[in-house]
Amino acid sequence: CSSLRSVTGRAAGTPAERQWASIIPTQAVATMLSSAAVAVRRVAGAAGASAARGGAGAGRRAIHASAAVADFKAPLNEVKFLANEVHNLQDHYSKLEHTGGAGADEDMVDMVLSEMGRFCEQELSPLNEVGDRVGCQHLGDYEVKTPPGFKEAYDTFTAGGWQGLSYPEKYGGQGLPYSLAMLGTEMAATACWTWTMYPGLSKGAINTILEHGTDALKDKYLPPLISGEWTGTMCLTEPQCGSDLAQVSTKAVPQPDGSYKITGTKIFISCGDHDMTENVVHCVLARLPDAPEGIKGISLFLVPKRKVGDDGANGDLNGCKIGRIEDKMGCHGSSTCEINFEDAEGFLIGTANRGMNHMFTFINTSRLGTAVQGVAAAELSFQNALWYAKERLAMRSLTGKKNPSGPADPIIVHPDVRRMLLTQKAIAEGGRSMVYECALLNDVQMEAEARGDEKAVRKTDDRMGFLTPILKGFLTERGNEAAYLGVQIYGGHGYIKDNKQEQVMRDVRIASVWEGTTGIQGLDLLGRKIMLQKLKPINEHCGLLRAEAVKLISSGSSGAVKRHALTMLRYSFEWQGGGPPPAPGARAE
């Protein structure tokens, strides 16, 4: 539904030429990568962060004469179209009486989007290649260095209050709706995904502590996490287990003062350590001495990198030693750490032996974040590919010369290139709309919680639970597809590092693996969300699809929209076992 409305909404009924122009936005002429960034690459990180940052504002300079790169442009028009024309954001916010809707008027939304767009274009986008080329460095047990410019951008981000945009004012946040923050998160993820992971993972830690932590933990740890003074991580995987967390062996031993000593090794910990903040708050799965075997014997603990005094001040290091950082295929700007917990002081989050239940708050936050990664990869690869398709000259159009004064026509005139570009654009815009739909549901759930409406909370939670594995599985696979198409459009130049398309492909490849592989998402969807609930979620979903399809078929929409709606209608019956698959070429009539 979201994909159909967002991709076809603007262009329905327009001539083909105008439809193409409306779907594919005009891109800025490519500028050049900064000379400082070139120097950073040559010395493999020896250049200081200040040198890299100093050149970032100068724009992007070509690494060599044949480099084919485009400036990142925050997709503000597309975001505003979805927010205002598809999802009716202001109408939605008018119903959020207890959760910040009143503060999110049109002027506020426009300001947030414009300022975040500027930050992404000027501060984050130049870091994307630097993060990939330089990467992170492991300098000691408690020392990991991020790529040049990452810390400075993070300081700017936190100074502006961006991390706390949608969190409670009680803990130092600004109390605006979750969905408003999500609009900015997607742009940041597109500009530089690996940088966005650091504040992004903190959101999972914040949500987990908010949902399951004691008042004491909330009062001590939430303010610095929400301000961005500290960051957070999720520590699940161990050398012997990833998806099968029943094998977790990290131990938690109770202490007389109510704390626990945490001992064990966790691997693949994204942003597990860095130089952007003084403290890092780890959410760690571990077993108590008398815990049952398997998944039912896992508890969740908060373990800070540095001990925290009663006054909230950072204290001594806490036995969270970094054994190594992984040398990965992509996402070099994020530190993927092995952490050895050696009698580290930890504190129980929630109820003993219910750690997996509590950790799913973090996991689901991360799964939606990973869905955003798929959308971001599609958008970035599309922007690059569109620029290249307009600039690269090869052969002539099938319908006659389009560039008669040149040796050949831009490759954008060729049907196969246009098909690939439109596929990328459909993935980016349709995926963006799907993510926003979930973000709005999150708003509705938080509003219901604030009102004490338990029935509405359960209903929205069930809906979110059903959609989360769909978004995570589908959008990450489609993000990989879009990145693949981006390389195809560039041809041989897409395989060259200087042209950056291959980086998008490498960075997004992990999206369909981490936070649960696509197969795990399928098992979760079918086993827990559909069969365990006796088909109720899929039946309700199909009912919503049918209602939307009927509305589109009955409206004044174009024939193409009606045909798509009819296909959607037929699928909704098939998924419930009540009808055949749609016939090829079926007409809305």
Protein backbone atom coordinates (compact mmCIF):
# COMPACT_ATOMS: atom_id res chain seq x y z
CA CYS A 1 0.00 0.00 0.00
CA SER A 2 2.70 2.46 1.03
CA SER A 3 4.79 1.71 -2.05
CA LEU A 4 1.83 2.10 -4.37
CA ARG A 5 0.69 5.40 -2.89
CA SER A 6 4.11 6.97 -2.64
CA VAL A 7 5.49 6.02 -6.04
CA THR A 8 2.35 6.65 -8.08
CA GLY A 9 0.75 9.44 -6.08
CA ARG A 10 2.44 12.40 -7.73
CA ALA A 11 2.53 11.23 -11.32
CA ALA A 12 -0.91 9.70 -11.88
CA GLY A 13 -2.49 11.01 -15.04
CA THR A 14 0.50 13.00 -16.32
CA PRO A 15 2.19 12.43 -19.70
CA ALA A 16 5.07 10.00 -19.75
CA GLU A 17 7.68 12.72 -20.06
CA ARG A 18 6.35 14.65 -17.08
CA GLN A 19 5.94 11.45 -15.10
CA TRP A 20 9.62 10.67 -15.58
CA ALA A 21 10.58 14.19 -14.51
CA SER A 22 8.40 14.00 -11.40
CA ILE A 23 9.69 10.61 -10.29
CA ILE A 24 13.38 11.32 -10.91
CA PRO A 25 14.45 14.54 -9.13
CA THR A 26 17.07 16.87 -10.56
CA GLN A 27 20.47 16.31 -8.98
CA ALA A 28 23.14 18.86 -8.21
CA VAL A 29 26.12 18.97 -10.53
CA ALA A 30 28.93 16.92 -9.00
CA THR A 31 31.56 18.86 -7.08
CA MET A 32 34.86 17.51 -5.89
CA LEU A 33 36.02 15.61 -2.84
CA SER A 34 38.10 17.67 -0.44
CA SER A 35 41.87 17.56 -0.77
CA ALA A 36 42.04 16.86 2.96
CA ALA A 37 40.05 13.67 2.48
CA VAL A 38 42.48 12.63 -0.25
CA ALA A 39 45.33 13.22 2.19
CA VAL A 40 43.54 11.18 4.82
CA ARG A 41 43.40 8.23 2.44
CA ARG A 42 47.04 8.52 1.45
CA VAL A 43 48.34 8.46 4.99
CA ALA A 44 45.83 5.82 6.10
CA GLY A 45 44.51 7.81 8.98
CA ALA A 46 47.65 9.62 10.09
CA ALA A 47 46.15 12.99 9.23
CA GLY A 48 44.40 14.59 12.16
CA ALA A 49 40.66 14.86 12.49
CA SER A 50 40.89 18.63 12.25
CA ALA A 51 42.50 18.44 8.81
CA ALA A 52 39.79 16.12 7.53
CA ARG A 53 37.05 18.30 8.97
CA GLY A 54 38.61 21.45 7.64
CA GLY A 55 38.37 20.18 4.09
CA ALA A 56 34.90 18.72 4.42
CA GLY A 57 33.09 22.00 3.94
CA ALA A 58 34.95 22.72 0.71
CA GLY A 59 32.90 20.11 -1.16
CA ARG A 60 34.02 16.94 -2.85
CA ARG A 61 36.85 16.82 -5.37
CA ALA A 62 37.40 14.08 -7.89
CA ILE A 63 40.14 11.71 -6.77
CA HIS A 64 41.29 11.50 -10.36
CA ALA A 65 40.02 12.83 -13.63
CA SER A 66 37.83 9.81 -14.40
CA ALA A 67 36.11 9.62 -11.01
CA ALA A 68 32.33 9.65 -11.38
CA VAL A 69 30.74 10.81 -8.15
CA ALA A 70 27.76 12.96 -7.17
CA ASP A 71 27.00 15.11 -4.16
CA PHE A 72 24.55 13.64 -1.69
CA LYS A 73 21.38 15.69 -1.60
CA ALA A 74 18.98 15.29 1.32
CA PRO A 75 15.70 14.09 -0.26
CA LEU A 76 13.66 16.84 1.39
CA ASN A 77 11.04 17.07 -1.35
CA GLU A 78 10.38 13.33 -1.23
CA VAL A 79 10.29 13.28 2.57
CA LYS A 80 7.90 16.23 2.75
CA PHE A 81 5.66 14.73 0.07
CA LEU A 82 5.30 11.50 2.02
CA ALA A 83 4.85 13.28 5.32
CA ASN A 84 2.23 15.73 4.10
CA GLU A 85 0.49 14.16 1.10
CA VAL A 86 0.61 10.45 1.88
CA HIS A 87 0.69 10.12 5.67
CA ASN A 88 -1.04 13.40 6.63
CA LEU A 89 1.47 14.11 9.37
CA GLN A 90 -0.22 17.17 10.84
CA ASP A 91 -3.55 15.37 11.17
CA HIS A 92 -1.71 12.53 12.89
CA TYR A 93 0.10 14.88 15.28
CA SER A 94 -3.15 16.60 16.22
CA LYS A 95 -4.20 13.33 17.87
CA LEU A 96 -1.06 13.03 20.01
CA GLU A 97 -2.25 14.99 23.03
CA HIS A 98 0.18 13.42 25.52
CA THR A 99 3.25 12.64 23.42
CA GLY A 100 4.45 15.84 21.79
CA GLY A 101 1.99 16.33 18.97
CA ALA A 102 1.28 19.94 19.92
CA GLY A 103 4.96 20.84 19.55
CA ALA A 104 5.26 19.30 16.10
CA ASP A 105 3.45 21.94 14.06
CA GLU A 106 4.26 22.62 10.42
CA ASP A 107 6.96 25.17 11.23
CA MET A 108 8.69 22.81 13.65
CA VAL A 109 8.59 19.88 11.21
CA ASP A 110 9.94 22.05 8.41
CA MET A 111 12.73 23.39 10.62
CA VAL A 112 13.73 19.92 11.82
CA LEU A 113 13.84 18.55 8.28
CA SER A 114 15.70 21.53 6.83
CA GLU A 115 18.33 21.63 9.58
CA MET A 116 18.86 17.88 9.56
CA GLY A 117 19.13 17.96 5.78
CA ARG A 118 21.80 20.66 6.01
CA PHE A 119 23.70 18.71 8.67
CA CYS A 120 23.60 15.55 6.56
CA GLU A 121 24.79 17.27 3.39
CA GLN A 122 27.52 19.39 4.95
CA GLU A 123 28.73 17.35 7.92
CA LEU A 124 27.92 13.67 7.38
CA SER A 125 28.15 13.06 3.65
CA PRO A 126 31.88 13.93 3.43
CA LEU A 127 32.56 11.34 6.14
CA ASN A 128 31.13 8.41 4.20
CA GLU A 129 34.18 7.74 2.05
CA VAL A 130 36.65 8.67 4.81
CA GLY A 131 34.98 6.13 7.09
CA ASP A 132 35.31 3.46 4.44
CA ARG A 133 38.90 4.19 3.42
CA VAL A 134 40.37 4.86 6.88
CA GLY A 135 38.09 2.82 9.13
CA CYS A 136 38.47 2.36 12.88
CA GLN A 137 41.67 1.56 14.76
CA HIS A 138 42.11 -0.66 17.83
CA LEU A 139 44.74 1.03 20.00
CA GLY A 140 44.40 -0.83 23.30
CA ASP A 141 42.15 -2.66 25.76
CA TYR A 142 39.98 0.41 26.25
CA GLU A 143 40.80 2.47 23.18
CA VAL A 144 39.25 2.43 19.71
CA LYS A 145 39.68 5.39 17.36
CA THR A 146 36.96 6.30 14.89
CA PRO A 147 37.70 7.73 11.41
CA PRO A 148 38.73 11.40 11.13
CA GLY A 149 35.79 13.74 11.49
CA PHE A 150 33.41 11.29 13.19
CA LYS A 151 33.86 12.71 16.68
CA GLU A 152 33.52 16.32 15.56
CA ALA A 153 30.30 15.56 13.69
CA TYR A 154 28.98 13.71 16.74
CA ASP A 155 29.78 16.70 18.96
CA THR A 156 27.84 18.97 16.60
CA PHE A 157 24.94 16.50 16.56
CA THR A 158 24.67 16.25 20.34
CA ALA A 159 25.18 19.99 20.89
CA GLY A 160 22.11 20.55 18.73
CA GLY A 161 20.01 18.24 20.91
CA TRP A 162 19.30 15.84 18.06
CA GLN A 163 19.77 12.64 20.06
CA GLY A 164 17.03 13.57 22.51
CA LEU A 165 14.54 14.89 19.96
CA SER A 166 11.81 12.32 20.68
CA TYR A 167 12.64 11.32 24.25
CA PRO A 168 10.88 12.43 27.48
CA GLU A 169 11.62 15.88 28.79
CA LYS A 170 11.86 14.29 32.24
CA TYR A 171 15.23 12.83 31.23
CA GLY A 172 16.47 15.76 29.17
CA GLY A 173 14.79 15.04 25.85
CA GLN A 174 12.63 17.39 23.80
CA GLY A 175 9.46 15.29 23.94
CA LEU A 176 8.59 15.45 20.24
CA PRO A 177 6.99 12.49 18.40
CA TYR A 178 9.09 9.46 17.51
CA SER A 179 8.09 9.72 13.86
CA LEU A 180 9.60 13.19 13.53
CA ALA A 181 12.97 11.88 14.67
CA MET A 182 12.66 9.01 12.18
CA LEU A 183 12.35 11.47 9.28
CA GLY A 184 15.78 12.83 10.14
CA THR A 185 17.31 9.45 10.92
CA GLU A 186 16.70 8.19 7.40
CA MET A 187 18.48 11.18 5.86
CA ALA A 188 21.45 10.73 8.20
CA ALA A 189 21.59 7.02 7.39
CA THR A 190 21.75 7.84 3.69
CA ALA A 191 24.48 10.45 4.10
CA CYS A 192 26.74 8.21 6.23
CA TRP A 193 25.30 4.96 7.51
CA THR A 194 28.27 3.95 9.66
CA TRP A 195 28.33 7.25 11.57
CA THR A 196 24.57 7.00 12.13
CA MET A 197 25.03 3.62 13.81
CA TYR A 198 26.63 5.20 16.89
CA PRO A 199 23.66 7.36 17.95
CA GLY A 200 21.29 4.77 16.46
CA LEU A 201 22.36 1.96 18.77
CA SER A 202 22.02 4.30 21.72
CA LYS A 203 18.31 4.56 20.92
CA GLY A 204 17.94 0.83 21.45
CA ALA A 205 19.63 1.10 24.84
CA ILE A 206 17.47 4.08 25.80
CA ASN A 207 14.26 2.31 24.79
CA THR A 208 15.24 -0.82 26.71
CA ILE A 209 16.05 1.06 29.91
CA LEU A 210 12.88 3.16 29.58
CA GLU A 211 10.75 0.04 29.16
CA HIS A 212 12.35 -2.33 31.67
CA GLY A 213 14.81 -0.47 33.92
CA THR A 214 14.31 0.50 37.55
CA ASP A 215 13.80 4.14 38.45
CA ALA A 216 17.35 4.21 39.80
CA LEU A 217 18.80 2.99 36.50
CA LYS A 218 16.65 5.44 34.55
CA ASP A 219 17.67 8.41 36.67
CA LYS A 220 21.38 7.60 36.46
CA TYR A 221 21.79 6.40 32.87
CA LEU A 222 19.04 7.92 30.74
CA PRO A 223 20.03 11.63 30.93
CA PRO A 224 23.57 11.13 29.57
CA LEU A 225 22.35 8.63 26.96
CA ILE A 226 19.58 10.96 25.79
CA SER A 227 21.89 13.96 25.67
CA GLY A 228 24.42 11.93 23.71
CA GLU A 229 27.09 12.33 26.37
CA TRP A 230 27.25 8.51 26.42
CA THR A 231 26.34 5.88 23.83
CA GLY A 232 24.85 2.40 24.15
CA THR A 233 25.35 -1.05 22.63
CA MET A 234 23.66 -4.43 22.39
CA CYS A 235 25.76 -7.44 23.45
CA LEU A 236 24.15 -10.73 22.41
CA THR A 237 26.43 -12.77 20.15
CA GLU A 238 29.19 -15.02 21.50
CA PRO A 239 31.83 -17.03 19.61
CA GLN A 240 29.70 -20.20 19.80
CA CYS A 241 26.27 -18.66 19.16
CA GLY A 242 24.55 -15.95 17.17
CA SER A 243 20.96 -16.63 16.17
CA ASP A 244 20.74 -19.50 18.69
CA LEU A 245 21.05 -17.49 21.90
CA ALA A 246 20.02 -20.47 24.00
CA GLN A 247 23.77 -21.23 24.01
CA VAL A 248 24.77 -17.97 25.75
CA SER A 249 27.43 -18.75 28.37
CA THR A 250 28.41 -15.32 29.77
CA LYS A 251 28.03 -15.47 33.56
CA ALA A 252 26.53 -13.02 36.04
CA VAL A 253 27.40 -13.55 39.71
CA PRO A 254 25.33 -11.66 42.35
CA GLN A 255 27.20 -9.34 44.74
CA PRO A 256 26.24 -8.25 48.28
CA ASP A 257 25.54 -4.68 47.15
CA GLY A 258 22.94 -5.82 44.60
CA SER A 259 25.20 -5.54 41.57
CA TYR A 260 26.58 -8.46 39.51
CA LYS A 261 30.00 -9.49 38.25
CA ILE A 262 29.78 -10.14 34.51
CA THR A 263 32.33 -12.49 32.90
CA GLY A 264 32.38 -13.70 29.30
CA THR A 265 33.16 -12.80 25.70
CA LYS A 266 30.81 -11.08 23.27
CA ILE A 267 31.61 -10.68 19.58
CA PHE A 268 30.27 -8.65 16.64
CA ILE A 269 29.37 -5.76 18.96
CA SER A 270 28.62 -2.82 16.69
CA CYS A 271 30.08 0.47 17.97
CA GLY A 272 31.33 -1.48 20.99
CA ASP A 273 33.97 1.14 21.75
CA HIS A 274 35.09 4.45 20.26
CA ASP A 275 36.54 7.87 21.04
CA MET A 276 33.35 9.91 20.60
CA THR A 277 32.17 9.64 24.22
CA GLU A 278 33.88 8.88 27.51
CA ASN A 279 31.45 6.15 28.53
CA VAL A 280 29.61 3.38 26.68
CA VAL A 281 26.62 1.58 28.21
CA HIS A 282 26.41 -2.09 27.22
CA CYS A 283 23.17 -4.11 27.39
CA VAL A 284 24.49 -7.63 27.99
CA LEU A 285 22.79 -11.04 27.99
CA ALA A 286 24.19 -13.36 30.68
CA ARG A 287 23.24 -16.27 32.97
CA LEU A 288 22.79 -16.28 36.72
CA PRO A 289 24.33 -19.23 38.64
CA ASP A 290 20.99 -20.97 39.23
CA ALA A 291 19.42 -20.11 35.88
CA PRO A 292 17.47 -22.73 33.88
CA GLU A 293 19.08 -24.05 30.72
CA GLY A 294 18.30 -22.59 27.34
CA ILE A 295 16.58 -19.36 26.43
CA LYS A 296 14.54 -19.28 29.64
CA GLY A 297 17.68 -18.89 31.73
CA ILE A 298 19.00 -15.67 30.21
CA SER A 299 18.95 -12.33 32.04
CA LEU A 300 19.72 -8.81 30.84
CA PHE A 301 22.31 -6.55 32.48
CA LEU A 302 23.47 -2.97 32.11
CA VAL A 303 27.28 -2.85 32.09
CA PRO A 304 29.03 0.54 31.66
CA LYS A 305 32.53 0.86 30.21
CA ARG A 306 33.33 3.10 33.18
CA LYS A 307 31.77 2.79 36.60
CA VAL A 308 29.34 5.57 37.42
CA GLY A 309 29.25 7.26 40.82
CA ASP A 310 26.13 8.18 42.74
CA ASP A 311 26.57 11.72 41.45
CA GLY A 312 26.53 10.48 37.84
CA ALA A 313 30.23 11.12 37.27
CA ASN A 314 32.37 8.67 35.33
CA GLY A 315 34.74 6.63 37.46
CA ASP A 316 37.24 3.81 36.95
CA LEU A 317 37.33 1.50 33.96
CA ASN A 318 35.04 -1.47 34.47
CA GLY A 319 36.67 -4.55 32.95
CA CYS A 320 35.08 -4.22 29.48
CA LYS A 321 38.21 -4.91 27.44
CA ILE A 322 38.28 -4.73 23.65
CA GLY A 323 39.97 -7.86 22.36
CA ARG A 324 39.87 -6.85 18.70
CA ILE A 325 37.85 -5.05 16.06
CA GLU A 326 36.75 -7.02 13.02
CA ASP A 327 38.17 -6.48 9.52
CA LYS A 328 34.91 -6.46 7.59
CA MET A 329 33.65 -6.48 4.01
CA GLY A 330 31.99 -3.10 4.55
CA CYS A 331 30.77 -0.67 7.23
CA HIS A 332 34.38 0.16 8.06
CA GLY A 333 33.41 3.36 9.85
CA SER A 334 31.65 1.46 12.63
CA SER A 335 33.78 -0.41 15.15
CA THR A 336 32.69 -4.06 15.34
CA CYS A 337 34.25 -5.24 18.59
CA GLU A 338 35.06 -8.35 20.53
CA ILE A 339 34.48 -7.40 24.17
CA ASN A 340 35.92 -9.44 27.02
CA PHE A 341 33.98 -8.77 30.22
CA GLU A 342 36.28 -9.53 33.15
CA ASP A 343 34.36 -9.28 36.43
CA ALA A 344 32.69 -6.15 35.07
CA GLU A 345 30.15 -4.50 37.36
CA GLY A 346 26.64 -4.87 35.99
CA PHE A 347 23.05 -4.20 37.03
CA LEU A 348 19.97 -6.29 36.32
CA ILE A 349 17.52 -4.82 33.81
CA GLY A 350 13.99 -6.08 34.39
CA THR A 351 13.28 -9.54 35.79
CA ALA A 352 15.82 -12.34 36.20
CA ASN A 353 15.63 -15.06 33.52
CA ARG A 354 13.49 -12.88 31.25
CA GLY A 355 16.41 -11.24 29.50
CA MET A 356 15.39 -12.28 26.00
CA ASN A 357 11.91 -10.86 26.47
CA HIS A 358 13.41 -7.55 27.60
CA MET A 359 16.12 -7.53 24.94
CA PHE A 360 13.49 -7.71 22.21
CA THR A 361 12.78 -4.05 22.91
CA PHE A 362 16.34 -3.36 21.76
CA ILE A 363 16.21 -5.95 18.97
CA ASN A 364 13.02 -4.55 17.46
CA THR A 365 14.42 -1.01 17.60
CA SER A 366 17.49 -2.26 15.76
CA ARG A 367 15.47 -4.22 13.21
CA LEU A 368 13.54 -1.11 12.23
CA GLY A 369 16.85 0.75 12.09
CA THR A 370 18.21 -1.93 9.77
CA ALA A 371 15.14 -1.57 7.55
CA VAL A 372 16.11 2.10 7.30
CA GLN A 373 19.57 0.96 6.20
CA GLY A 374 17.98 -0.76 3.20
CA VAL A 375 16.06 2.39 2.28
CA ALA A 376 19.18 4.53 2.74
CA ALA A 377 21.26 2.30 0.48
CA ALA A 378 18.59 2.47 -2.22
CA GLU A 379 18.41 6.26 -2.00
CA LEU A 380 22.18 6.80 -2.05
CA SER A 381 22.82 4.33 -4.86
CA PHE A 382 19.98 5.90 -6.84
CA GLN A 383 21.31 9.43 -6.41
CA ASN A 384 24.74 8.36 -7.62
CA ALA A 385 23.34 6.31 -10.50
CA LEU A 386 20.99 9.06 -11.67
CA TRP A 387 23.82 11.58 -11.82
CA TYR A 388 26.00 9.14 -13.73
CA ALA A 389 23.21 8.20 -16.15
CA LYS A 390 22.78 11.86 -17.05
CA GLU A 391 26.52 12.43 -17.53
CA ARG A 392 27.72 9.22 -19.18
CA LEU A 393 27.45 9.27 -22.99
CA ALA A 394 27.05 5.97 -24.82
CA MET A 395 25.24 5.11 -28.08
CA ARG A 396 22.09 6.76 -29.35
CA SER A 397 18.49 6.67 -28.21
CA LEU A 398 16.22 4.20 -29.99
CA THR A 399 13.95 7.12 -30.88
CA GLY A 400 16.60 9.40 -32.36
CA LYS A 401 19.41 11.61 -31.12
CA LYS A 402 18.79 13.34 -27.80
CA ASN A 403 22.21 14.97 -27.63
CA PRO A 404 22.92 15.86 -31.27
CA SER A 405 25.89 18.08 -30.48
CA GLY A 406 27.67 15.31 -28.58
CA PRO A 407 29.29 12.05 -29.66
CA ALA A 408 26.50 10.01 -28.03
CA ASP A 409 23.40 10.33 -25.86
CA PRO A 410 23.33 10.13 -22.05
CA ILE A 411 22.67 6.55 -21.03
CA ILE A 412 19.53 7.66 -19.17
CA VAL A 413 17.74 7.55 -22.54
CA HIS A 414 18.14 3.77 -22.79
CA PRO A 415 15.13 1.72 -21.60
CA ASP A 416 17.12 -0.75 -19.51
CA VAL A 417 18.91 2.02 -17.63
CA ARG A 418 15.60 3.78 -17.02
CA ARG A 419 14.12 0.53 -15.76
CA MET A 420 16.94 0.10 -13.25
CA LEU A 421 16.71 3.71 -12.08
CA LEU A 422 12.95 3.49 -11.61
CA THR A 423 13.33 0.24 -9.70
CA GLN A 424 15.82 1.90 -7.36
CA LYS A 425 13.51 4.86 -6.92
CA ALA A 426 10.50 2.65 -6.21
CA ILE A 427 12.48 0.78 -3.55
CA ALA A 428 13.68 4.01 -1.94
CA GLU A 429 10.33 5.81 -1.93
CA GLY A 430 8.16 2.78 -1.23
CA GLY A 431 10.52 1.64 1.52
CA ARG A 432 10.62 5.12 3.01
CA SER A 433 6.83 5.12 3.18
CA MET A 434 6.78 1.70 4.86
CA VAL A 435 9.22 2.90 7.51
CA TYR A 436 7.15 6.03 8.13
CA GLU A 437 4.02 3.92 8.51
CA CYS A 438 5.72 1.97 11.30
CA ALA A 439 7.00 5.18 12.88
CA LEU A 440 3.46 6.56 13.01
CA LEU A 441 2.27 3.33 14.62
CA ASN A 442 4.96 3.79 17.25
CA ASP A 443 3.53 7.25 17.96
CA VAL A 444 0.06 5.74 18.34
CA GLN A 445 1.35 3.12 20.75
CA MET A 446 3.16 5.67 22.90
CA GLU A 447 0.05 7.87 22.99
CA ALA A 448 -2.06 4.89 24.06
CA GLU A 449 0.44 4.10 26.82
CA ALA A 450 0.30 7.70 28.03
CA ARG A 451 -3.50 7.54 28.14
CA GLY A 452 -3.47 4.17 29.91
CA ASP A 453 -5.43 2.53 27.08
CA GLU A 454 -4.17 -1.05 27.42
CA LYS A 455 -6.40 -2.40 24.66
CA ALA A 456 -5.03 0.11 22.14
CA VAL A 457 -1.47 -0.61 23.32
CA ARG A 458 -1.89 -4.35 22.70
CA LYS A 459 -3.50 -3.78 19.31
CA THR A 460 -0.75 -1.46 18.12
CA ASP A 461 1.97 -3.67 19.59
CA ASP A 462 0.59 -6.66 17.71
CA ARG A 463 0.54 -4.67 14.49
CA MET A 464 4.11 -3.46 15.00
CA GLY A 465 5.21 -6.98 15.84
CA PHE A 466 3.71 -8.26 12.59
CA LEU A 467 5.24 -5.52 10.42
CA THR A 468 8.75 -5.47 11.94
CA PRO A 469 10.06 -8.74 10.41
CA ILE A 470 8.43 -7.80 7.09
CA LEU A 471 10.19 -4.44 6.98
CA LYS A 472 13.49 -5.83 8.19
CA GLY A 473 13.48 -8.77 5.78
CA PHE A 474 11.96 -7.12 2.73
CA LEU A 475 13.62 -3.72 2.80
CA THR A 476 17.12 -5.05 3.45
CA GLU A 477 16.83 -7.50 0.56
CA ARG A 478 15.48 -4.77 -1.70
CA GLY A 479 18.20 -2.39 -0.51
CA ASN A 480 20.75 -4.95 -1.66
CA GLU A 481 18.95 -5.17 -4.99
CA ALA A 482 19.03 -1.39 -5.43
CA ALA A 483 22.76 -1.26 -4.63
CA TYR A 484 23.38 -4.03 -7.16
CA LEU A 485 21.48 -2.08 -9.81
CA GLY A 486 23.53 1.01 -9.00
CA VAL A 487 26.73 -0.83 -9.87
CA GLN A 488 25.10 -2.18 -13.05
CA ILE A 489 24.18 1.33 -14.21
CA TYR A 490 27.78 2.47 -13.75
CA GLY A 491 29.05 -0.56 -15.66
CA GLY A 492 32.78 -1.10 -15.21
CA HIS A 493 33.11 2.21 -13.39
CA GLY A 494 30.78 0.88 -10.70
CA TYR A 495 33.44 -1.67 -9.79
CA ILE A 496 36.03 1.05 -9.13
CA LYS A 497 36.33 2.22 -5.52
CA ASP A 498 36.83 5.88 -6.39
CA ASN A 499 33.31 6.00 -7.83
CA LYS A 500 31.75 4.86 -4.54
CA GLN A 501 28.94 2.71 -5.88
CA GLU A 502 30.69 -0.46 -4.78
CA GLN A 503 30.91 0.93 -1.23
CA VAL A 504 27.12 1.17 -1.07
CA MET A 505 26.91 -2.46 -2.15
CA ARG A 506 29.47 -3.60 0.44
CA ASP A 507 27.96 -1.56 3.26
CA VAL A 508 24.39 -2.75 2.75
CA ARG A 509 25.26 -6.43 2.32
CA ILE A 510 25.25 -6.95 6.09
CA ALA A 511 21.72 -5.54 6.41
CA SER A 512 20.06 -8.82 5.48
CA VAL A 513 22.33 -10.68 7.91
CA TRP A 514 22.61 -8.77 11.18
CA GLU A 515 19.73 -8.29 13.61
CA GLY A 516 18.49 -11.67 12.39
CA THR A 517 18.97 -12.98 8.86
CA THR A 518 16.13 -12.84 6.35
CA GLY A 519 15.45 -16.50 7.13
CA ILE A 520 15.15 -15.70 10.83
CA GLN A 521 12.71 -12.90 9.99
CA GLY A 522 10.64 -15.38 8.01
CA LEU A 523 10.56 -17.83 10.91
CA ASP A 524 9.61 -15.03 13.31
CA LEU A 525 6.83 -13.81 11.02
CA LEU A 526 5.34 -17.21 10.27
CA GLY A 527 5.94 -18.94 13.59
CA ARG A 528 5.46 -16.27 16.25
CA LYS A 529 3.40 -13.63 14.51
CA ILE A 530 1.03 -15.68 12.34
CA MET A 531 0.72 -19.33 13.41
CA LEU A 532 1.10 -18.73 17.15
CA GLN A 533 -1.69 -16.16 16.95
CA LYS A 534 -3.88 -18.43 14.80
CA LEU A 535 -3.61 -16.29 11.64
CA LYS A 536 -5.12 -13.21 13.28
CA PRO A 537 -2.36 -10.76 12.20
CA ILE A 538 -2.36 -11.83 8.55
CA ASN A 539 -6.16 -11.76 8.41
CA GLU A 540 -6.23 -8.24 9.83
CA HIS A 541 -3.47 -7.15 7.46
CA CYS A 542 -5.33 -8.51 4.44
CA GLY A 543 -8.44 -6.69 5.60
CA LEU A 544 -6.51 -3.41 5.63
CA LEU A 545 -5.11 -4.14 2.17
CA ARG A 546 -8.57 -4.84 0.80
CA ALA A 547 -9.97 -1.63 2.23
CA GLU A 548 -7.13 0.39 0.70
CA ALA A 549 -7.44 -1.41 -2.64
CA VAL A 550 -11.18 -0.83 -2.85
CA LYS A 551 -10.66 2.86 -2.05
CA LEU A 552 -8.12 3.19 -4.87
CA ILE A 553 -10.23 1.26 -7.37
CA SER A 554 -13.26 3.40 -6.56
CA SER A 555 -11.34 6.67 -6.76
CA GLY A 556 -10.47 8.82 -9.74
CA SER A 557 -6.99 7.32 -9.92
CA SER A 558 -5.42 6.40 -13.23
CA GLY A 559 -5.90 3.00 -14.82
CA ALA A 560 -2.37 1.98 -13.86
CA VAL A 561 -3.04 2.67 -10.18
CA LYS A 562 -6.31 0.75 -10.36
CA ARG A 563 -4.61 -2.24 -11.95
CA HIS A 564 -2.03 -2.31 -9.17
CA ALA A 565 -4.80 -1.99 -6.59
CA LEU A 566 -6.67 -4.90 -8.16
CA THR A 567 -3.52 -7.02 -7.98
CA MET A 568 -3.18 -6.09 -4.31
CA LEU A 569 -6.82 -7.01 -3.73
CA ARG A 570 -6.39 -10.43 -5.29
CA TYR A 571 -3.23 -11.13 -3.33
CA SER A 572 -5.03 -10.29 -0.10
CA PHE A 573 -7.50 -13.09 -0.81
CA GLU A 574 -4.79 -15.53 -1.90
CA TRP A 575 -2.77 -15.00 1.29
CA GLN A 576 -5.84 -16.05 3.26
CA GLY A 577 -6.36 -19.09 1.06
CA GLY A 578 -9.50 -17.65 -0.48
CA GLY A 579 -8.56 -16.93 -4.07
CA PRO A 580 -6.22 -17.59 -6.99
CA PRO A 581 -3.10 -15.54 -7.75
CA PRO A 582 -3.66 -12.49 -9.96
CA ALA A 583 -3.84 -13.24 -13.64
CA PRO A 584 -1.07 -11.73 -15.78
CA GLY A 585 -2.20 -8.47 -17.33
CA ALA A 586 -5.41 -8.35 -15.28
CA ARG A 587 -7.41 -5.17 -15.84
CA ALA A 588 -9.04 -3.10 -13.13
CA GLU A 589 -12.36 -3.39 -14.93
